[in-house]
Amino acid sequence: MPEPSELAEVECLAQIGQIARLATSRLDRLLPAGLSAAGLEALRRLGERTEPASPLALAHALHLSKAAISSTLEKLAARGWILIEADPRDGRRKLVSLTPAGWAAWRAAMAATRPELEALRAAFPRAEFEAALPFLRRLRTWLAHVAARDGAELAPDRP
């Protein structure tokens, strides 16, 4: 019987976890002061939308817990990068939108990370990234489904 570390599934998940930690750590060092990798992803998601988003929708999109998205949004709001307002249709709900300063922070982050992304592109052919994406998307979807089924606080997958 193989040792657990010899199983391809275990090794694959271990590699993904290590890659995620290394990438996040590197990104956090490259980003402008006050902006984390999670904050950058929240700004990106808000920038893709034409309408404000609820914190819950952002939590789902980013696979974050309620506590984690609340913390991230509070930090972004404190810097003036997002606006959190009551939903005019339901005052109990909140809506989050990107401010002009948030757009500027996102653009500054993109400029700060551009050299690193160019180095990544130079190190690996685009075809390798494209080939990996279908498997990684299916794996993410499956893991999100399992987490939702088990009642984990992480939000379910929303493509």
C-alpha atoms as a PDB file:
ATOM      1  CA  MET A   1       0.000   0.000   0.000  1.00  0.00           C
ATOM      2  CA  PRO A   2       1.448   3.382  -0.946  1.00  0.00           C
ATOM      3  CA  GLU A   3       2.190   5.985   1.704  1.00  0.00           C
ATOM      4  CA  PRO A   4      -0.292   8.905   1.681  1.00  0.00           C
ATOM      5  CA  SER A   5       2.391  11.233   0.340  1.00  0.00           C
ATOM      6  CA  GLU A   6       2.784   8.926  -2.682  1.00  0.00           C
ATOM      7  CA  LEU A   7      -0.818   9.290  -3.773  1.00  0.00           C
ATOM      8  CA  ALA A   8      -1.198  11.608  -6.742  1.00  0.00           C
ATOM      9  CA  GLU A   9      -4.338  13.206  -5.299  1.00  0.00           C
ATOM     10  CA  VAL A  10      -2.617  14.064  -2.022  1.00  0.00           C
ATOM     11  CA  GLU A  11       0.474  15.368  -3.784  1.00  0.00           C
ATOM     12  CA  CYS A  12      -1.666  17.452  -6.171  1.00  0.00           C
ATOM     13  CA  LEU A  13      -3.598  19.106  -3.338  1.00  0.00           C
ATOM     14  CA  ALA A  14      -0.368  19.684  -1.409  1.00  0.00           C
ATOM     15  CA  GLN A  15       1.201  21.345  -4.449  1.00  0.00           C
ATOM     16  CA  ILE A  16      -1.860  23.553  -4.991  1.00  0.00           C
ATOM     17  CA  GLY A  17      -1.803  24.612  -1.338  1.00  0.00           C
ATOM     18  CA  GLN A  18       1.887  25.436  -1.455  1.00  0.00           C
ATOM     19  CA  ILE A  19       1.496  27.342  -4.723  1.00  0.00           C
ATOM     20  CA  ALA A  20      -1.401  29.331  -3.244  1.00  0.00           C
ATOM     21  CA  ARG A  21       0.606  30.273  -0.142  1.00  0.00           C
ATOM     22  CA  LEU A  22       3.692  31.224  -2.177  1.00  0.00           C
ATOM     23  CA  ALA A  23       1.698  33.228  -4.728  1.00  0.00           C
ATOM     24  CA  THR A  24      -0.286  35.078  -2.056  1.00  0.00           C
ATOM     25  CA  SER A  25       2.845  35.867  -0.071  1.00  0.00           C
ATOM     26  CA  ARG A  26       4.611  37.182  -3.180  1.00  0.00           C
ATOM     27  CA  LEU A  27       1.583  39.196  -4.242  1.00  0.00           C
ATOM     28  CA  ASP A  28       1.210  40.739  -0.783  1.00  0.00           C
ATOM     29  CA  ARG A  29       4.844  41.937  -0.977  1.00  0.00           C
ATOM     30  CA  LEU A  30       4.344  43.481  -4.429  1.00  0.00           C
ATOM     31  CA  LEU A  31       1.077  45.293  -3.773  1.00  0.00           C
ATOM     32  CA  PRO A  32       0.850  48.922  -2.717  1.00  0.00           C
ATOM     33  CA  ALA A  33       0.723  49.550   1.038  1.00  0.00           C
ATOM     34  CA  GLY A  34      -2.608  48.657   2.582  1.00  0.00           C
ATOM     35  CA  LEU A  35      -3.730  46.324  -0.194  1.00  0.00           C
ATOM     36  CA  SER A  36      -3.690  42.556   0.328  1.00  0.00           C
ATOM     37  CA  ALA A  37      -4.175  39.798  -2.224  1.00  0.00           C
ATOM     38  CA  ALA A  38      -7.732  39.306  -0.912  1.00  0.00           C
ATOM     39  CA  GLY A  39      -8.401  43.035  -1.191  1.00  0.00           C
ATOM     40  CA  LEU A  40      -7.065  43.082  -4.740  1.00  0.00           C
ATOM     41  CA  GLU A  41      -9.366  40.236  -5.727  1.00  0.00           C
ATOM     42  CA  ALA A  42     -12.341  42.046  -4.161  1.00  0.00           C
ATOM     43  CA  LEU A  43     -11.483  45.227  -6.094  1.00  0.00           C
ATOM     44  CA  ARG A  44     -11.167  43.184  -9.303  1.00  0.00           C
ATOM     45  CA  ARG A  45     -14.541  41.507  -8.781  1.00  0.00           C
ATOM     46  CA  LEU A  46     -16.227  44.823  -8.051  1.00  0.00           C
ATOM     47  CA  GLY A  47     -14.610  46.363 -11.120  1.00  0.00           C
ATOM     48  CA  GLU A  48     -16.070  43.622 -13.320  1.00  0.00           C
ATOM     49  CA  ARG A  49     -19.621  44.451 -12.229  1.00  0.00           C
ATOM     50  CA  THR A  50     -21.959  47.089 -13.581  1.00  0.00           C
ATOM     51  CA  GLU A  51     -24.025  47.052 -10.372  1.00  0.00           C
ATOM     52  CA  PRO A  52     -22.975  47.132  -6.701  1.00  0.00           C
ATOM     53  CA  ALA A  53     -22.546  43.717  -5.077  1.00  0.00           C
ATOM     54  CA  SER A  54     -23.708  42.416  -1.737  1.00  0.00           C
ATOM     55  CA  PRO A  55     -21.007  41.280   0.693  1.00  0.00           C
ATOM     56  CA  LEU A  56     -22.516  37.796   0.467  1.00  0.00           C
ATOM     57  CA  ALA A  57     -22.161  37.757  -3.332  1.00  0.00           C
ATOM     58  CA  LEU A  58     -18.514  38.766  -2.957  1.00  0.00           C
ATOM     59  CA  ALA A  59     -17.970  36.083  -0.314  1.00  0.00           C
ATOM     60  CA  HIS A  60     -19.411  33.494  -2.704  1.00  0.00           C
ATOM     61  CA  ALA A  61     -17.299  34.705  -5.621  1.00  0.00           C
ATOM     62  CA  LEU A  62     -14.100  34.737  -3.571  1.00  0.00           C
ATOM     63  CA  HIS A  63     -14.819  31.596  -1.524  1.00  0.00           C
ATOM     64  CA  LEU A  64     -14.441  33.529   1.713  1.00  0.00           C
ATOM     65  CA  SER A  65     -16.238  33.197   5.009  1.00  0.00           C
ATOM     66  CA  LYS A  66     -18.518  35.977   6.247  1.00  0.00           C
ATOM     67  CA  ALA A  67     -15.873  37.045   8.756  1.00  0.00           C
ATOM     68  CA  ALA A  68     -13.119  37.119   6.127  1.00  0.00           C
ATOM     69  CA  ILE A  69     -15.130  39.157   3.605  1.00  0.00           C
ATOM     70  CA  SER A  70     -16.256  41.566   6.327  1.00  0.00           C
ATOM     71  CA  SER A  71     -12.654  42.130   7.402  1.00  0.00           C
ATOM     72  CA  THR A  72     -11.477  42.625   3.826  1.00  0.00           C
ATOM     73  CA  LEU A  73     -14.301  45.037   3.008  1.00  0.00           C
ATOM     74  CA  GLU A  74     -13.755  47.043   6.206  1.00  0.00           C
ATOM     75  CA  LYS A  75     -10.093  47.537   5.286  1.00  0.00           C
ATOM     76  CA  LEU A  76     -10.959  48.607   1.736  1.00  0.00           C
ATOM     77  CA  ALA A  77     -13.658  50.989   2.964  1.00  0.00           C
ATOM     78  CA  ALA A  78     -11.302  52.528   5.535  1.00  0.00           C
ATOM     79  CA  ARG A  79      -8.946  53.451   2.679  1.00  0.00           C
ATOM     80  CA  GLY A  80     -11.800  54.911   0.636  1.00  0.00           C
ATOM     81  CA  TRP A  81     -11.466  52.266  -2.077  1.00  0.00           C
ATOM     82  CA  ILE A  82     -15.016  50.965  -1.759  1.00  0.00           C
ATOM     83  CA  LEU A  83     -18.336  52.351  -0.627  1.00  0.00           C
ATOM     84  CA  ILE A  84     -20.620  50.247   1.566  1.00  0.00           C
ATOM     85  CA  GLU A  85     -24.210  51.486   1.606  1.00  0.00           C
ATOM     86  CA  ALA A  86     -27.612  50.224   2.647  1.00  0.00           C
ATOM     87  CA  ASP A  87     -29.566  48.577  -0.156  1.00  0.00           C
ATOM     88  CA  PRO A  88     -32.349  51.049  -1.068  1.00  0.00           C
ATOM     89  CA  ARG A  89     -34.725  48.118  -1.694  1.00  0.00           C
ATOM     90  CA  ASP A  90     -33.930  46.403   1.619  1.00  0.00           C
ATOM     91  CA  GLY A  91     -32.271  48.495   4.325  1.00  0.00           C
ATOM     92  CA  ARG A  92     -31.134  45.357   6.149  1.00  0.00           C
ATOM     93  CA  ARG A  93     -28.804  44.465   3.272  1.00  0.00           C
ATOM     94  CA  LYS A  94     -25.595  46.212   2.266  1.00  0.00           C
ATOM     95  CA  LEU A  95     -24.282  46.945  -1.204  1.00  0.00           C
ATOM     96  CA  VAL A  96     -20.623  47.434  -2.065  1.00  0.00           C
ATOM     97  CA  SER A  97     -19.267  49.470  -4.969  1.00  0.00           C
ATOM     98  CA  LEU A  98     -15.862  50.564  -6.180  1.00  0.00           C
ATOM     99  CA  THR A  99     -14.901  54.228  -5.751  1.00  0.00           C
ATOM    100  CA  PRO A 100     -12.669  56.232  -8.109  1.00  0.00           C
ATOM    101  CA  ALA A 101      -9.901  55.807  -5.508  1.00  0.00           C
ATOM    102  CA  GLY A 102     -10.548  52.054  -5.646  1.00  0.00           C
ATOM    103  CA  TRP A 103     -10.090  52.071  -9.409  1.00  0.00           C
ATOM    104  CA  ALA A 104      -6.822  53.966  -8.931  1.00  0.00           C
ATOM    105  CA  ALA A 105      -5.665  51.450  -6.289  1.00  0.00           C
ATOM    106  CA  TRP A 106      -6.498  48.574  -8.635  1.00  0.00           C
ATOM    107  CA  ARG A 107      -4.552  50.200 -11.489  1.00  0.00           C
ATOM    108  CA  ALA A 108      -1.569  50.832  -9.176  1.00  0.00           C
ATOM    109  CA  ALA A 109      -1.655  47.179  -8.102  1.00  0.00           C
ATOM    110  CA  MET A 110      -1.722  46.030 -11.717  1.00  0.00           C
ATOM    111  CA  ALA A 111       1.294  48.224 -12.479  1.00  0.00           C
ATOM    112  CA  ALA A 112       3.150  46.911  -9.405  1.00  0.00           C
ATOM    113  CA  THR A 113       2.551  43.273 -10.351  1.00  0.00           C
ATOM    114  CA  ARG A 114       3.136  43.613 -14.104  1.00  0.00           C
ATOM    115  CA  PRO A 115       6.896  42.760 -13.987  1.00  0.00           C
ATOM    116  CA  GLU A 116       6.191  39.631 -11.943  1.00  0.00           C
ATOM    117  CA  LEU A 117       3.472  38.504 -14.355  1.00  0.00           C
ATOM    118  CA  GLU A 118       5.759  39.134 -17.307  1.00  0.00           C
ATOM    119  CA  ALA A 119       8.458  37.009 -15.638  1.00  0.00           C
ATOM    120  CA  LEU A 120       5.873  34.257 -15.072  1.00  0.00           C
ATOM    121  CA  ARG A 121       4.819  34.399 -18.720  1.00  0.00           C
ATOM    122  CA  ALA A 122       8.451  34.173 -19.785  1.00  0.00           C
ATOM    123  CA  ALA A 123       9.068  31.158 -17.531  1.00  0.00           C
ATOM    124  CA  PHE A 124       6.102  29.055 -18.687  1.00  0.00           C
ATOM    125  CA  PRO A 125       4.376  28.761 -22.059  1.00  0.00           C
ATOM    126  CA  ARG A 126       0.795  30.017 -22.171  1.00  0.00           C
ATOM    127  CA  ALA A 127      -0.288  26.599 -23.437  1.00  0.00           C
ATOM    128  CA  GLU A 128       0.698  25.030 -20.099  1.00  0.00           C
ATOM    129  CA  PHE A 129      -1.560  27.429 -18.210  1.00  0.00           C
ATOM    130  CA  GLU A 130      -4.399  26.850 -20.661  1.00  0.00           C
ATOM    131  CA  ALA A 131      -3.998  23.080 -20.395  1.00  0.00           C
ATOM    132  CA  ALA A 132      -4.147  23.198 -16.580  1.00  0.00           C
ATOM    133  CA  LEU A 133      -7.241  25.394 -16.340  1.00  0.00           C
ATOM    134  CA  PRO A 134      -9.990  22.853 -17.124  1.00  0.00           C
ATOM    135  CA  PHE A 135      -8.786  20.458 -14.424  1.00  0.00           C
ATOM    136  CA  LEU A 136      -8.263  23.237 -11.874  1.00  0.00           C
ATOM    137  CA  ARG A 137     -11.753  24.656 -12.514  1.00  0.00           C
ATOM    138  CA  ARG A 138     -13.370  21.227 -12.110  1.00  0.00           C
ATOM    139  CA  LEU A 139     -11.381  20.591  -8.917  1.00  0.00           C
ATOM    140  CA  ARG A 140     -12.387  24.002  -7.472  1.00  0.00           C
ATOM    141  CA  THR A 141     -16.033  23.385  -8.324  1.00  0.00           C
ATOM    142  CA  TRP A 142     -15.962  19.923  -6.747  1.00  0.00           C
ATOM    143  CA  LEU A 143     -14.268  21.199  -3.578  1.00  0.00           C
ATOM    144  CA  ALA A 144     -16.776  24.061  -3.291  1.00  0.00           C
ATOM    145  CA  HIS A 145     -19.650  21.597  -3.721  1.00  0.00           C
ATOM    146  CA  VAL A 146     -18.261  19.333  -0.996  1.00  0.00           C
ATOM    147  CA  ALA A 147     -17.744  22.297   1.338  1.00  0.00           C
ATOM    148  CA  ALA A 148     -21.322  23.482   0.768  1.00  0.00           C
ATOM    149  CA  ARG A 149     -22.686  19.971   1.278  1.00  0.00           C
ATOM    150  CA  ASP A 150     -20.771  19.663   4.538  1.00  0.00           C
ATOM    151  CA  GLY A 151     -22.027  23.041   5.725  1.00  0.00           C
ATOM    152  CA  ALA A 152     -18.583  24.627   5.727  1.00  0.00           C
ATOM    153  CA  GLU A 153     -18.603  28.382   6.217  1.00  0.00           C
ATOM    154  CA  LEU A 154     -16.720  28.907   2.954  1.00  0.00           C
ATOM    155  CA  ALA A 155     -19.124  30.071   0.334  1.00  0.00           C
ATOM    156  CA  PRO A 156     -20.233  27.679  -2.413  1.00  0.00           C
ATOM    157  CA  ASP A 157     -18.907  27.952  -5.914  1.00  0.00           C
ATOM    158  CA  ARG A 158     -20.414  30.638  -8.176  1.00  0.00           C
ATOM    159  CA  PRO A 159     -18.735  30.605 -11.581  1.00  0.00           C
END
